[in-house]
Amino acid sequence: MHPTVHGSDGKDAKMRLKIRYENEYQTVVLDAEATEELWVSLSLEGEGLTQEEKEKLIQDTWEERFNRPDYNNWHKFDRHRGRSKAQPGKDDAEDEVDTNEPLMEEVADDRIFRRDELDREERESYETICDWVYKVLVKKPEWADAFIAVRLDGESIREYAAKIGADENNITQKLKRAEKKLRENYIDRQI
């Protein structure tokens, strides 16, 4: 709180009211009459208070009713607007940093920054599953091919049957048998 300035007759008293605008404060200087009007408009009560105590009560009430809610609303809306904390380093005087691009710790979901890593993990997971399917169905590679094409790659039974020149019902039966064999093997591995 800034100190109150009093004139020799006490009528020149000035109050400095801090008003938040977005994420910064602006100070408004109020004369004694404006301070009293603000006291009344905020419906504040208190008898026998010094001018300093009144000003502190006004500022505290203003902070609670206006500054905090306005800041919270601004912050909720504006926090992911791309005002990055990234700053050019000492050696980067010529290379400007694009501050419209947020840093990884500034975003709620960092997957966009890790796309290559996630794609690699997904590929490795897919390859591991395919290897396991071929290992379990080693005696029936046509079952493994059908299972991978239909269940993992999302190809329809009709498309897969047409592609290999087989009957749809035949592919459906191979899929049922493959799923049963894989389920049994998976359960045995868990035990």
Protein backbone atom coordinates (compact mmCIF):
# COMPACT_ATOMS: atom_id res chain seq x y z
CA MET A 1 0.00 0.00 0.00
CA HIS A 2 1.32 3.39 -0.96
CA PRO A 3 1.48 5.99 1.82
CA THR A 4 -1.40 8.41 2.16
CA VAL A 5 -0.55 12.02 1.43
CA HIS A 6 -2.17 14.51 3.81
CA GLY A 7 -2.23 18.27 3.36
CA SER A 8 -1.89 20.58 6.31
CA ASP A 9 -5.67 20.84 6.67
CA GLY A 10 -6.35 17.13 6.00
CA LYS A 11 -8.61 17.86 2.95
CA ASP A 12 -5.97 17.13 0.35
CA ALA A 13 -5.77 13.47 1.34
CA LYS A 14 -5.06 11.24 -1.67
CA MET A 15 -5.59 7.53 -1.92
CA ARG A 16 -3.80 5.35 -4.42
CA LEU A 17 -6.15 2.54 -5.53
CA LYS A 18 -4.46 -0.35 -7.31
CA ILE A 19 -6.64 -1.70 -10.12
CA ARG A 20 -5.65 -4.84 -11.97
CA TYR A 21 -5.78 -4.73 -15.74
CA GLU A 22 -5.06 -8.15 -17.28
CA ASN A 23 -1.90 -9.24 -15.47
CA GLU A 24 -0.60 -5.85 -14.30
CA TYR A 25 -1.69 -3.21 -11.85
CA GLN A 26 -2.52 0.40 -12.61
CA THR A 27 -2.72 2.95 -9.84
CA VAL A 28 -5.51 5.52 -9.70
CA VAL A 29 -5.14 8.50 -7.36
CA LEU A 30 -8.40 9.42 -5.60
CA ASP A 31 -9.03 12.61 -3.69
CA ALA A 32 -10.82 12.59 -0.31
CA GLU A 33 -14.28 13.03 -1.88
CA ALA A 34 -13.78 10.19 -4.39
CA THR A 35 -12.39 7.99 -1.61
CA GLU A 36 -15.50 8.64 0.48
CA GLU A 37 -17.78 7.92 -2.51
CA LEU A 38 -15.94 4.65 -3.12
CA TRP A 39 -16.35 3.77 0.60
CA VAL A 40 -20.12 4.26 0.27
CA SER A 41 -20.45 2.52 -3.12
CA LEU A 42 -18.60 -0.55 -1.80
CA SER A 43 -21.03 -0.56 1.17
CA LEU A 44 -18.21 -0.60 3.69
CA GLU A 45 -18.81 0.02 7.36
CA GLY A 46 -16.60 0.93 10.25
CA GLU A 47 -16.63 3.77 12.71
CA GLY A 48 -13.62 5.35 14.31
CA LEU A 49 -11.25 4.10 11.59
CA THR A 50 -8.28 6.18 10.59
CA GLN A 51 -7.94 7.30 6.98
CA GLU A 52 -5.20 4.72 6.50
CA GLU A 53 -7.40 1.89 7.85
CA LYS A 54 -10.27 2.99 5.58
CA GLU A 55 -7.97 3.00 2.56
CA LYS A 56 -6.65 -0.46 3.41
CA LEU A 57 -10.23 -1.76 3.76
CA ILE A 58 -11.19 -0.17 0.44
CA GLN A 59 -8.14 -1.69 -1.32
CA ASP A 60 -8.73 -5.13 0.22
CA THR A 61 -12.41 -5.09 -0.76
CA TRP A 62 -11.55 -3.89 -4.28
CA GLU A 63 -8.99 -6.67 -4.58
CA GLU A 64 -11.48 -9.31 -3.50
CA ARG A 65 -14.46 -8.13 -5.56
CA PHE A 66 -12.82 -6.90 -8.74
CA ASN A 67 -9.11 -7.51 -9.13
CA ARG A 68 -9.02 -11.25 -8.38
CA PRO A 69 -12.11 -12.26 -10.40
CA ASP A 70 -11.05 -10.14 -13.38
CA TYR A 71 -7.53 -11.56 -13.30
CA ASN A 72 -8.82 -15.13 -12.94
CA ASN A 73 -11.11 -14.67 -15.95
CA TRP A 74 -8.34 -13.11 -17.99
CA HIS A 75 -5.88 -15.82 -16.98
CA LYS A 76 -8.31 -18.66 -17.72
CA PHE A 77 -8.91 -17.30 -21.21
CA ASP A 78 -5.44 -16.04 -22.03
CA ARG A 79 -2.97 -18.48 -20.48
CA HIS A 80 -2.50 -20.60 -23.62
CA ARG A 81 -2.31 -17.73 -26.07
CA GLY A 82 1.23 -18.37 -27.20
CA ARG A 83 3.04 -15.75 -25.15
CA SER A 84 5.99 -18.02 -24.75
CA LYS A 85 8.61 -17.71 -22.04
CA ALA A 86 11.18 -18.48 -24.72
CA GLN A 87 13.77 -15.74 -24.98
CA PRO A 88 16.78 -15.54 -27.27
CA GLY A 89 19.99 -16.39 -25.44
CA LYS A 90 23.14 -14.26 -25.39
CA ASP A 91 24.54 -16.10 -28.39
CA ASP A 92 21.22 -15.94 -30.26
CA ALA A 93 21.30 -12.19 -30.85
CA GLU A 94 20.78 -12.70 -34.56
CA ASP A 95 18.42 -15.67 -34.26
CA GLU A 96 15.07 -14.51 -33.01
CA VAL A 97 12.94 -16.89 -31.00
CA ASP A 98 9.39 -17.36 -32.23
CA THR A 99 7.48 -16.48 -29.09
CA ASN A 100 4.15 -17.38 -30.72
CA GLU A 101 5.17 -21.02 -30.40
CA PRO A 102 4.65 -22.18 -26.80
CA LEU A 103 7.24 -24.21 -24.95
CA MET A 104 6.52 -27.84 -24.05
CA GLU A 105 5.88 -27.02 -20.38
CA GLU A 106 3.46 -24.25 -21.36
CA VAL A 107 0.90 -26.50 -23.06
CA ALA A 108 -1.67 -28.81 -21.49
CA ASP A 109 -1.02 -31.66 -23.94
CA ASP A 110 2.62 -32.08 -24.99
CA ARG A 111 2.02 -34.90 -27.51
CA ILE A 112 2.41 -32.48 -30.42
CA PHE A 113 6.04 -32.00 -29.42
CA ARG A 114 6.62 -35.74 -29.08
CA ARG A 115 4.95 -36.89 -32.30
CA ASP A 116 8.05 -38.70 -33.64
CA GLU A 117 8.62 -40.46 -30.32
CA LEU A 118 4.98 -41.53 -30.07
CA ASP A 119 4.91 -42.72 -33.70
CA ARG A 120 8.07 -44.77 -33.10
CA GLU A 121 6.60 -46.31 -29.93
CA GLU A 122 3.37 -47.15 -31.77
CA ARG A 123 5.32 -48.78 -34.61
CA GLU A 124 7.41 -50.78 -32.15
CA SER A 125 4.30 -51.88 -30.27
CA TYR A 126 2.61 -52.91 -33.53
CA GLU A 127 5.69 -54.88 -34.61
CA THR A 128 5.89 -56.59 -31.20
CA ILE A 129 2.24 -57.64 -31.42
CA CYS A 130 2.67 -58.92 -34.98
CA ASP A 131 5.76 -60.91 -33.94
CA TRP A 132 3.82 -62.44 -31.04
CA VAL A 133 0.86 -63.33 -33.31
CA TYR A 134 3.18 -65.05 -35.81
CA LYS A 135 4.99 -66.85 -32.98
CA VAL A 136 1.76 -68.20 -31.46
CA LEU A 137 0.25 -69.09 -34.84
CA VAL A 138 3.51 -70.39 -36.30
CA LYS A 139 1.77 -73.51 -37.71
CA LYS A 140 -1.02 -71.45 -39.28
CA PRO A 141 0.53 -68.36 -40.93
CA GLU A 142 -2.66 -67.78 -42.97
CA TRP A 143 -4.55 -67.31 -39.67
CA ALA A 144 -1.91 -64.83 -38.52
CA ASP A 145 -2.10 -62.92 -41.81
CA ALA A 146 -5.90 -62.71 -41.59
CA PHE A 147 -5.84 -61.67 -37.92
CA ILE A 148 -3.30 -58.91 -38.51
CA ALA A 149 -5.02 -57.60 -41.65
CA VAL A 150 -8.53 -57.57 -40.18
CA ARG A 151 -8.12 -57.07 -36.44
CA LEU A 152 -5.00 -54.90 -36.29
CA ASP A 153 -4.99 -53.06 -39.63
CA GLY A 154 -8.77 -52.58 -39.74
CA GLU A 155 -9.37 -54.13 -43.14
CA SER A 156 -12.87 -55.53 -43.57
CA ILE A 157 -13.35 -59.28 -43.90
CA ARG A 158 -14.89 -58.75 -47.34
CA GLU A 159 -11.90 -56.69 -48.56
CA TYR A 160 -9.37 -59.17 -47.18
CA ALA A 161 -11.22 -62.16 -48.65
CA ALA A 162 -11.37 -60.47 -52.07
CA LYS A 163 -7.68 -59.54 -51.86
CA ILE A 164 -6.52 -63.12 -51.26
CA GLY A 165 -9.28 -64.76 -53.35
CA ALA A 166 -10.93 -66.63 -50.48
CA ASP A 167 -14.48 -67.06 -49.21
CA GLU A 168 -15.61 -64.55 -46.54
CA ASN A 169 -16.99 -67.36 -44.37
CA ASN A 170 -13.64 -69.15 -44.58
CA ILE A 171 -11.83 -65.97 -43.36
CA THR A 172 -14.36 -65.52 -40.53
CA GLN A 173 -13.71 -69.09 -39.33
CA LYS A 174 -9.93 -68.60 -39.50
CA LEU A 175 -10.29 -65.41 -37.45
CA LYS A 176 -12.35 -67.19 -34.78
CA ARG A 177 -9.79 -69.98 -34.52
CA ALA A 178 -6.87 -67.52 -34.45
CA GLU A 179 -8.54 -65.44 -31.73
CA LYS A 180 -9.18 -68.55 -29.65
CA LYS A 181 -5.58 -69.75 -29.98
CA LEU A 182 -4.20 -66.27 -29.18
CA ARG A 183 -6.51 -65.88 -26.17
CA GLU A 184 -5.44 -69.27 -24.79
CA ASN A 185 -1.79 -68.44 -25.26
CA TYR A 186 -2.20 -65.02 -23.68
CA ILE A 187 -3.97 -66.48 -20.62
CA ASP A 188 -1.27 -69.17 -20.27
CA ARG A 189 1.41 -66.44 -20.37
CA GLN A 190 -0.36 -64.52 -17.58
CA ILE A 191 -0.45 -67.55 -15.25
